[in-house]
PDB file of N, CA and C in Angstrom:
ATOM      1  N   MET A   1      81.285 109.655  64.715  1.00  0.00           N
ATOM      2  CA  MET A   1      82.401 109.616  65.139  1.00  0.00           C
ATOM      3  C   MET A   1      83.266 108.340  64.476  1.00  0.00           C
ATOM      4  N   THR A   2      84.302 108.863  64.221  1.00  0.00           N
ATOM      5  CA  THR A   2      84.910 107.878  63.350  1.00  0.00           C
ATOM      6  C   THR A   2      85.619 106.713  64.323  1.00  0.00           C
ATOM      7  N   ASP A   3      86.247 105.867  64.111  1.00  0.00           N
ATOM      8  CA  ASP A   3      87.055 104.986  64.925  1.00  0.00           C
ATOM      9  C   ASP A   3      88.016 105.502  65.732  1.00  0.00           C
ATOM     10  N   THR A   4      88.699 106.554  64.846  1.00  0.00           N
ATOM     11  CA  THR A   4      90.132 107.077  65.391  1.00  0.00           C
ATOM     12  C   THR A   4      89.599 107.832  66.464  1.00  0.00           C
ATOM     13  N   GLU A   5      88.960 108.610  66.349  1.00  0.00           N
ATOM     14  CA  GLU A   5      88.037 109.801  67.225  1.00  0.00           C
ATOM     15  C   GLU A   5      87.328 108.880  68.634  1.00  0.00           C
ATOM     16  N   LYS A   6      86.832 107.878  68.118  1.00  0.00           N
ATOM     17  CA  LYS A   6      86.250 107.036  69.564  1.00  0.00           C
ATOM     18  C   LYS A   6      87.643 106.701  70.388  1.00  0.00           C
ATOM     19  N   LYS A   7      88.619 106.312  69.452  1.00  0.00           N
ATOM     20  CA  LYS A   7      89.655 105.265  70.227  1.00  0.00           C
ATOM     21  C   LYS A   7      90.120 106.782  71.419  1.00  0.00           C
ATOM     22  N   ASP A   8      90.571 107.994  70.259  1.00  0.00           N
ATOM     23  CA  ASP A   8      91.059 108.906  71.340  1.00  0.00           C
ATOM     24  C   ASP A   8      90.300 109.428  72.465  1.00  0.00           C
ATOM     25  N   LEU A   9      88.867 109.529  72.329  1.00  0.00           N
ATOM     26  CA  LEU A   9      88.020 109.808  73.357  1.00  0.00           C
ATOM     27  C   LEU A   9      87.962 108.672  74.876  1.00  0.00           C
ATOM     28  N   LEU A  10      88.027 107.212  73.837  1.00  0.00           N
ATOM     29  CA  LEU A  10      88.182 106.250  75.085  1.00  0.00           C
ATOM     30  C   LEU A  10      89.778 106.795  75.916  1.00  0.00           C
ATOM     31  N   GLU A  11      90.362 106.738  75.345  1.00  0.00           N
ATOM     32  CA  GLU A  11      91.908 107.083  76.120  1.00  0.00           C
ATOM     33  C   GLU A  11      91.661 108.344  76.902  1.00  0.00           C
ATOM     34  N   ARG A  12      91.025 109.222  76.571  1.00  0.00           N
ATOM     35  CA  ARG A  12      91.223 110.471  77.346  1.00  0.00           C
ATOM     36  C   ARG A  12      90.205 110.341  78.404  1.00  0.00           C
ATOM     37  N   VAL A  13      89.185 109.483  78.388  1.00  0.00           N
ATOM     38  CA  VAL A  13      88.228 109.267  79.212  1.00  0.00           C
ATOM     39  C   VAL A  13      89.148 108.507  80.287  1.00  0.00           C
ATOM     40  N   ASP A  14      89.731 107.314  79.951  1.00  0.00           N
ATOM     41  CA  ASP A  14      90.412 106.303  81.028  1.00  0.00           C
ATOM     42  C   ASP A  14      91.355 107.317  81.799  1.00  0.00           C
ATOM     43  N   THR A  15      92.293 108.122  81.018  1.00  0.00           N
ATOM     44  CA  THR A  15      92.918 108.780  81.623  1.00  0.00           C
ATOM     45  C   THR A  15      92.353 109.920  82.605  1.00  0.00           C
ATOM     46  N   ALA A  16      91.405 110.709  82.587  1.00  0.00           N
ATOM     47  CA  ALA A  16      90.395 111.486  83.174  1.00  0.00           C
ATOM     48  C   ALA A  16      90.215 110.445  84.798  1.00  0.00           C
ATOM     49  N   LEU A  17      89.840 109.440  84.167  1.00  0.00           N
ATOM     50  CA  LEU A  17      89.293 108.710  85.518  1.00  0.00           C
ATOM     51  C   LEU A  17      90.305 108.382  86.725  1.00  0.00           C
ATOM     52  N   ASP A  18      91.631 108.561  86.145  1.00  0.00           N
ATOM     53  CA  ASP A  18      92.966 108.202  86.813  1.00  0.00           C
ATOM     54  C   ASP A  18      92.544 109.132  88.201  1.00  0.00           C
ATOM     55  N   ASP A  19      92.040 110.342  87.756  1.00  0.00           N
ATOM     56  CA  ASP A  19      92.023 111.184  89.031  1.00  0.00           C
ATOM     57  C   ASP A  19      90.901 110.627  90.150  1.00  0.00           C
ATOM     58  N   VAL A  20      90.167 109.832  89.618  1.00  0.00           N
ATOM     59  CA  VAL A  20      89.116 109.384  90.495  1.00  0.00           C
ATOM     60  C   VAL A  20      89.188 108.181  91.107  1.00  0.00           C
ATOM     61  N   ARG A  21      89.949 107.296  90.602  1.00  0.00           N
ATOM     62  CA  ARG A  21      90.604 106.186  91.198  1.00  0.00           C
ATOM     63  C   ARG A  21      90.926 105.384  92.238  1.00  0.00           C
ATOM     64  N   PRO A  22      92.204 106.461  92.721  1.00  0.00           N
ATOM     65  CA  PRO A  22      92.640 106.560  94.081  1.00  0.00           C
ATOM     66  C   PRO A  22      91.491 106.433  94.903  1.00  0.00           C
ATOM     67  N   HIS A  23      90.497 107.228  94.921  1.00  0.00           N
ATOM     68  CA  HIS A  23      89.508 107.506  95.974  1.00  0.00           C
ATOM     69  C   HIS A  23      88.549 106.295  96.095  1.00  0.00           C
ATOM     70  N   LEU A  24      88.624 105.666  95.020  1.00  0.00           N
ATOM     71  CA  LEU A  24      87.426 104.072  94.806  1.00  0.00           C
ATOM     72  C   LEU A  24      88.901 103.025  95.318  1.00  0.00           C
ATOM     73  N   LYS A  25      90.176 102.939  95.057  1.00  0.00           N
ATOM     74  CA  LYS A  25      90.911 101.995  95.446  1.00  0.00           C
ATOM     75  C   LYS A  25      91.035 101.813  96.781  1.00  0.00           C
ATOM     76  N   VAL A  26      90.428 102.903  97.476  1.00  0.00           N
ATOM     77  CA  VAL A  26      90.907 103.358  99.139  1.00  0.00           C
ATOM     78  C   VAL A  26      89.599 102.075  99.694  1.00  0.00           C
ATOM     79  N   ASP A  27      88.710 101.874  99.232  1.00  0.00           N
ATOM     80  CA  ASP A  27      87.580 101.216  99.683  1.00  0.00           C
ATOM     81  C   ASP A  27      87.385  99.705  99.067  1.00  0.00           C
ATOM     82  N   GLY A  28      88.267  99.441  98.419  1.00  0.00           N
ATOM     83  CA  GLY A  28      88.739  98.258  97.231  1.00  0.00           C
ATOM     84  C   GLY A  28      87.653  97.791  96.306  1.00  0.00           C
ATOM     85  N   GLY A  29      87.673  99.325  95.573  1.00  0.00           N
ATOM     86  CA  GLY A  29      86.560  98.861  94.274  1.00  0.00           C
ATOM     87  C   GLY A  29      87.780  99.946  93.150  1.00  0.00           C
ATOM     88  N   ASN A  30      86.905  99.811  92.016  1.00  0.00           N
ATOM     89  CA  ASN A  30      87.979 100.450  90.619  1.00  0.00           C
ATOM     90  C   ASN A  30      86.725 100.857  89.761  1.00  0.00           C
ATOM     91  N   VAL A  31      86.878 101.011  88.825  1.00  0.00           N
ATOM     92  CA  VAL A  31      86.039 101.611  87.703  1.00  0.00           C
ATOM     93  C   VAL A  31      86.841 100.971  85.971  1.00  0.00           C
ATOM     94  N   GLU A  32      85.922 100.665  85.041  1.00  0.00           N
ATOM     95  CA  GLU A  32      86.840 100.336  83.862  1.00  0.00           C
ATOM     96  C   GLU A  32      85.364 100.724  82.895  1.00  0.00           C
ATOM     97  N   VAL A  33      86.206 101.547  81.777  1.00  0.00           N
ATOM     98  CA  VAL A  33      85.886 101.982  80.539  1.00  0.00           C
ATOM     99  C   VAL A  33      85.453 100.941  80.055  1.00  0.00           C
ATOM    100  N   VAL A  34      83.871 100.797  79.266  1.00  0.00           N
ATOM    101  CA  VAL A  34      83.417  99.942  78.498  1.00  0.00           C
ATOM    102  C   VAL A  34      83.379 100.633  77.363  1.00  0.00           C
ATOM    103  N   ASP A  35      82.845 101.493  76.992  1.00  0.00           N
ATOM    104  CA  ASP A  35      82.299 101.910  75.728  1.00  0.00           C
ATOM    105  C   ASP A  35      82.257 103.339  75.941  1.00  0.00           C
ATOM    106  N   VAL A  36      82.134 104.021  74.819  1.00  0.00           N
ATOM    107  CA  VAL A  36      81.446 105.470  74.435  1.00  0.00           C
ATOM    108  C   VAL A  36      80.188 105.517  73.495  1.00  0.00           C
ATOM    109  N   THR A  37      79.095 106.056  73.657  1.00  0.00           N
ATOM    110  CA  THR A  37      78.021 105.939  72.683  1.00  0.00           C
ATOM    111  C   THR A  37      77.908 106.633  71.497  1.00  0.00           C
ATOM    112  N   GLU A  38      77.431 106.687  70.470  1.00  0.00           N
ATOM    113  CA  GLU A  38      77.791 107.977  69.338  1.00  0.00           C
ATOM    114  C   GLU A  38      77.182 109.434  70.031  1.00  0.00           C
ATOM    115  N   ASP A  39      76.146 109.015  71.196  1.00  0.00           N
ATOM    116  CA  ASP A  39      76.023 110.396  71.648  1.00  0.00           C
ATOM    117  C   ASP A  39      76.855 110.487  72.681  1.00  0.00           C
ATOM    118  N   ASN A  40      77.647 110.163  73.111  1.00  0.00           N
ATOM    119  CA  ASN A  40      79.236 110.804  73.919  1.00  0.00           C
ATOM    120  C   ASN A  40      78.521 110.298  75.431  1.00  0.00           C
ATOM    121  N   ILE A  41      77.948 108.823  75.610  1.00  0.00           N
ATOM    122  CA  ILE A  41      77.471 108.575  77.017  1.00  0.00           C
ATOM    123  C   ILE A  41      78.730 107.741  77.526  1.00  0.00           C
ATOM    124  N   VAL A  42      79.333 107.636  78.713  1.00  0.00           N
ATOM    125  CA  VAL A  42      80.801 106.594  78.676  1.00  0.00           C
ATOM    126  C   VAL A  42      79.712 105.839  79.766  1.00  0.00           C
ATOM    127  N   LYS A  43      79.852 104.627  78.791  1.00  0.00           N
ATOM    128  CA  LYS A  43      79.633 103.416  79.776  1.00  0.00           C
ATOM    129  C   LYS A  43      80.682 102.583  80.609  1.00  0.00           C
ATOM    130  N   ILE A  44      80.487 102.411  81.819  1.00  0.00           N
ATOM    131  CA  ILE A  44      81.578 102.376  82.652  1.00  0.00           C
ATOM    132  C   ILE A  44      80.974 100.665  83.427  1.00  0.00           C
ATOM    133  N   LYS A  45      81.965 100.219  83.957  1.00  0.00           N
ATOM    134  CA  LYS A  45      81.801  98.734  84.566  1.00  0.00           C
ATOM    135  C   LYS A  45      82.316  98.929  86.150  1.00  0.00           C
ATOM    136  N   TRP A  46      81.615  98.640  87.171  1.00  0.00           N
ATOM    137  CA  TRP A  46      81.966  98.706  88.235  1.00  0.00           C
ATOM    138  C   TRP A  46      83.032  97.586  88.445  1.00  0.00           C
ATOM    139  N   LEU A  47      84.275  97.607  89.631  1.00  0.00           N
ATOM    140  CA  LEU A  47      85.038  96.644  89.811  1.00  0.00           C
ATOM    141  C   LEU A  47      85.356  96.267  91.326  1.00  0.00           C
ATOM    142  N   GLY A  48      85.487  95.150  91.957  1.00  0.00           N
ATOM    143  CA  GLY A  48      85.847  95.205  93.216  1.00  0.00           C
ATOM    144  C   GLY A  48      84.471  95.703  94.146  1.00  0.00           C
ATOM    145  N   THR A  49      84.483  96.249  95.149  1.00  0.00           N
ATOM    146  CA  THR A  49      83.391  96.658  95.889  1.00  0.00           C
ATOM    147  C   THR A  49      82.732  97.616  95.747  1.00  0.00           C
ATOM    148  N   CYS A  50      82.746  98.498  94.299  1.00  0.00           N
ATOM    149  CA  CYS A  50      81.899  98.913  93.879  1.00  0.00           C
ATOM    150  C   CYS A  50      80.876  98.776  93.253  1.00  0.00           C
ATOM    151  N   GLU A  51      80.682  97.414  93.309  1.00  0.00           N
ATOM    152  CA  GLU A  51      80.001  96.558  92.311  1.00  0.00           C
ATOM    153  C   GLU A  51      78.414  96.374  93.270  1.00  0.00           C
ATOM    154  N   SER A  52      78.622  96.257  94.735  1.00  0.00           N
ATOM    155  CA  SER A  52      77.720  95.917  95.607  1.00  0.00           C
ATOM    156  C   SER A  52      77.677  97.041  96.110  1.00  0.00           C
ATOM    157  N   CYS A  53      78.105  98.134  96.013  1.00  0.00           N
ATOM    158  CA  CYS A  53      78.059  99.276  97.091  1.00  0.00           C
ATOM    159  C   CYS A  53      76.559 100.470  96.526  1.00  0.00           C
ATOM    160  N   ASN A  54      76.104 100.322  97.696  1.00  0.00           N
ATOM    161  CA  ASN A  54      74.638 101.302  97.567  1.00  0.00           C
ATOM    162  C   ASN A  54      75.015 102.519  97.435  1.00  0.00           C
ATOM    163  N   MET A  55      76.490 103.257  97.204  1.00  0.00           N
ATOM    164  CA  MET A  55      76.912 104.725  97.116  1.00  0.00           C
ATOM    165  C   MET A  55      77.021 104.606  95.171  1.00  0.00           C
ATOM    166  N   SER A  56      77.005 103.659  95.054  1.00  0.00           N
ATOM    167  CA  SER A  56      77.691 103.728  93.873  1.00  0.00           C
ATOM    168  C   SER A  56      77.258 104.724  92.369  1.00  0.00           C
ATOM    169  N   MET A  57      75.978 105.000  92.786  1.00  0.00           N
ATOM    170  CA  MET A  57      75.366 105.750  91.777  1.00  0.00           C
ATOM    171  C   MET A  57      75.006 107.250  91.896  1.00  0.00           C
ATOM    172  N   MET A  58      75.919 107.511  93.406  1.00  0.00           N
ATOM    173  CA  MET A  58      76.268 109.150  93.849  1.00  0.00           C
ATOM    174  C   MET A  58      77.200 109.127  93.611  1.00  0.00           C
ATOM    175  N   THR A  59      78.512 108.021  93.184  1.00  0.00           N
ATOM    176  CA  THR A  59      79.728 108.094  93.166  1.00  0.00           C
ATOM    177  C   THR A  59      79.793 108.327  91.190  1.00  0.00           C
ATOM    178  N   MET A  60      78.945 107.652  90.995  1.00  0.00           N
ATOM    179  CA  MET A  60      78.996 107.947  89.687  1.00  0.00           C
ATOM    180  C   MET A  60      78.405 109.405  89.039  1.00  0.00           C
ATOM    181  N   LYS A  61      77.438 109.691  89.617  1.00  0.00           N
ATOM    182  CA  LYS A  61      77.278 111.319  89.435  1.00  0.00           C
ATOM    183  C   LYS A  61      78.072 112.318  89.558  1.00  0.00           C
ATOM    184  N   ALA A  62      78.361 112.215  91.283  1.00  0.00           N
ATOM    185  CA  ALA A  62      78.978 113.187  91.919  1.00  0.00           C
ATOM    186  C   ALA A  62      80.624 113.516  91.529  1.00  0.00           C
ATOM    187  N   GLY A  63      81.109 111.953  91.089  1.00  0.00           N
ATOM    188  CA  GLY A  63      82.443 112.021  91.206  1.00  0.00           C
ATOM    189  C   GLY A  63      83.109 111.601  89.748  1.00  0.00           C
ATOM    190  N   ILE A  64      82.203 110.743  89.168  1.00  0.00           N
ATOM    191  CA  ILE A  64      82.723 110.231  88.144  1.00  0.00           C
ATOM    192  C   ILE A  64      82.267 111.378  86.713  1.00  0.00           C
ATOM    193  N   GLU A  65      80.794 111.410  86.812  1.00  0.00           N
ATOM    194  CA  GLU A  65      80.101 112.536  85.779  1.00  0.00           C
ATOM    195  C   GLU A  65      80.641 113.534  85.890  1.00  0.00           C
ATOM    196  N   GLN A  66      81.137 114.297  86.931  1.00  0.00           N
ATOM    197  CA  GLN A  66      81.435 115.372  87.376  1.00  0.00           C
ATOM    198  C   GLN A  66      82.818 115.609  86.641  1.00  0.00           C
ATOM    199  N   THR A  67      83.736 114.800  87.253  1.00  0.00           N
ATOM    200  CA  THR A  67      85.309 114.765  86.764  1.00  0.00           C
ATOM    201  C   THR A  67      85.367 114.490  85.118  1.00  0.00           C
ATOM    202  N   LEU A  68      84.312 113.794  84.775  1.00  0.00           N
ATOM    203  CA  LEU A  68      84.753 113.257  83.485  1.00  0.00           C
ATOM    204  C   LEU A  68      83.947 114.955  82.461  1.00  0.00           C
ATOM    205  N   ARG A  69      83.024 115.461  82.926  1.00  0.00           N
ATOM    206  CA  ARG A  69      82.402 116.692  82.061  1.00  0.00           C
ATOM    207  C   ARG A  69      83.522 117.614  82.177  1.00  0.00           C
ATOM    208  N   GLY A  70      84.010 118.130  83.579  1.00  0.00           N
ATOM    209  CA  GLY A  70      84.690 118.890  83.701  1.00  0.00           C
ATOM    210  C   GLY A  70      86.086 118.850  82.936  1.00  0.00           C
ATOM    211  N   LYS A  71      86.539 118.087  82.640  1.00  0.00           N
ATOM    212  CA  LYS A  71      88.127 117.220  82.100  1.00  0.00           C
ATOM    213  C   LYS A  71      87.592 116.998  80.377  1.00  0.00           C
ATOM    214  N   ILE A  72      86.351 116.722  80.023  1.00  0.00           N
ATOM    215  CA  ILE A  72      86.049 116.392  78.707  1.00  0.00           C
ATOM    216  C   ILE A  72      84.907 116.751  78.235  1.00  0.00           C
ATOM    217  N   PRO A  73      84.403 118.041  77.950  1.00  0.00           N
ATOM    218  CA  PRO A  73      83.102 118.810  77.851  1.00  0.00           C
ATOM    219  C   PRO A  73      82.137 117.959  76.932  1.00  0.00           C
ATOM    220  N   GLU A  74      83.012 117.424  75.876  1.00  0.00           N
ATOM    221  CA  GLU A  74      81.872 116.712  75.143  1.00  0.00           C
ATOM    222  C   GLU A  74      81.338 115.129  75.562  1.00  0.00           C
ATOM    223  N   VAL A  75      81.482 114.858  76.722  1.00  0.00           N
ATOM    224  CA  VAL A  75      80.750 113.666  77.072  1.00  0.00           C
ATOM    225  C   VAL A  75      79.529 114.219  77.923  1.00  0.00           C
ATOM    226  N   SER A  76      78.196 113.533  77.544  1.00  0.00           N
ATOM    227  CA  SER A  76      77.322 113.775  77.746  1.00  0.00           C
ATOM    228  C   SER A  76      76.834 113.322  78.749  1.00  0.00           C
ATOM    229  N   GLY A  77      77.380 112.361  79.322  1.00  0.00           N
ATOM    230  CA  GLY A  77      76.878 111.392  80.952  1.00  0.00           C
ATOM    231  C   GLY A  77      77.568 110.267  80.893  1.00  0.00           C
ATOM    232  N   VAL A  78      77.082 109.433  82.242  1.00  0.00           N
ATOM    233  CA  VAL A  78      77.853 108.487  82.291  1.00  0.00           C
ATOM    234  C   VAL A  78      76.761 106.983  82.943  1.00  0.00           C
ATOM    235  N   GLU A  79      76.696 106.165  82.208  1.00  0.00           N
ATOM    236  CA  GLU A  79      75.945 104.818  82.720  1.00  0.00           C
ATOM    237  C   GLU A  79      76.799 103.629  83.101  1.00  0.00           C
ATOM    238  N   ALA A  80      76.431 102.656  83.965  1.00  0.00           N
ATOM    239  CA  ALA A  80      77.056 101.941  84.604  1.00  0.00           C
ATOM    240  C   ALA A  80      76.443 100.501  83.676  1.00  0.00           C
ATOM    241  N   VAL A  81      77.177  99.599  83.387  1.00  0.00           N
ATOM    242  CA  VAL A  81      76.623  98.532  82.887  1.00  0.00           C
ATOM    243  C   VAL A  81      76.245  97.300  84.147  1.00  0.00           C
ATOM    244  N   ASN A  82      76.588  97.801  85.180  1.00  0.00           N
ATOM    245  CA  ASN A  82      76.809  96.975  86.158  1.00  0.00           C
ATOM    246  C   ASN A  82      76.629  97.506  87.759  1.00  0.00           C
ATOM    247  N   GLY A  83      76.433  96.450  88.782  1.00  0.00           N
ATOM    248  CA  GLY A  83      76.138  97.228  89.867  1.00  0.00           C
ATOM    249  C   GLY A  83      74.987  97.346  90.447  1.00  0.00           C
ATOM    250  N   VAL A  84      74.770  98.417  91.595  1.00  0.00           N
ATOM    251  CA  VAL A  84      73.822  98.073  92.249  1.00  0.00           C
ATOM    252  C   VAL A  84      72.322  98.833  91.184  1.00  0.00           C
ATOM    253  N   ASP A  85      70.943  97.821  91.163  1.00  0.00           N
ATOM    254  CA  ASP A  85      69.912  98.459  90.741  1.00  0.00           C
ATOM    255  C   ASP A  85      69.190  99.368  91.532  1.00  0.00           C
ATOM    256  N   VAL A  86      69.653 100.773  91.338  1.00  0.00           N
ATOM    257  CA  VAL A  86      68.996 101.607  91.518  1.00  0.00           C
ATOM    258  C   VAL A  86      67.812 102.299  91.348  1.00  0.00           C
ATOM    259  N   GLY A  87      67.032 101.626  90.214  1.00  0.00           N
ATOM    260  CA  GLY A  87      66.135 101.917  89.332  1.00  0.00           C
ATOM    261  C   GLY A  87      64.941 101.392  90.251  1.00  0.00           C
TER     262      GLY A  87
END
């Protein structure tokens, strides 16, 4: 992926997340796009109350990942770089 392609994908991801952000902000949280890997995994950072929410993994899979994959089919997954450790 070229730098231009990566920049375009990051912008598209950030725009797509605008559909999810209002739901996060209601509870005092938000999400920030950190990176997209070569294999199209979106790295996000939880902000606000989302950092410590025990529902963040479900939100990431059912809300964020589903939204992104629906709008940007080349996204292969989403991973958080911070937040509740569910492992």
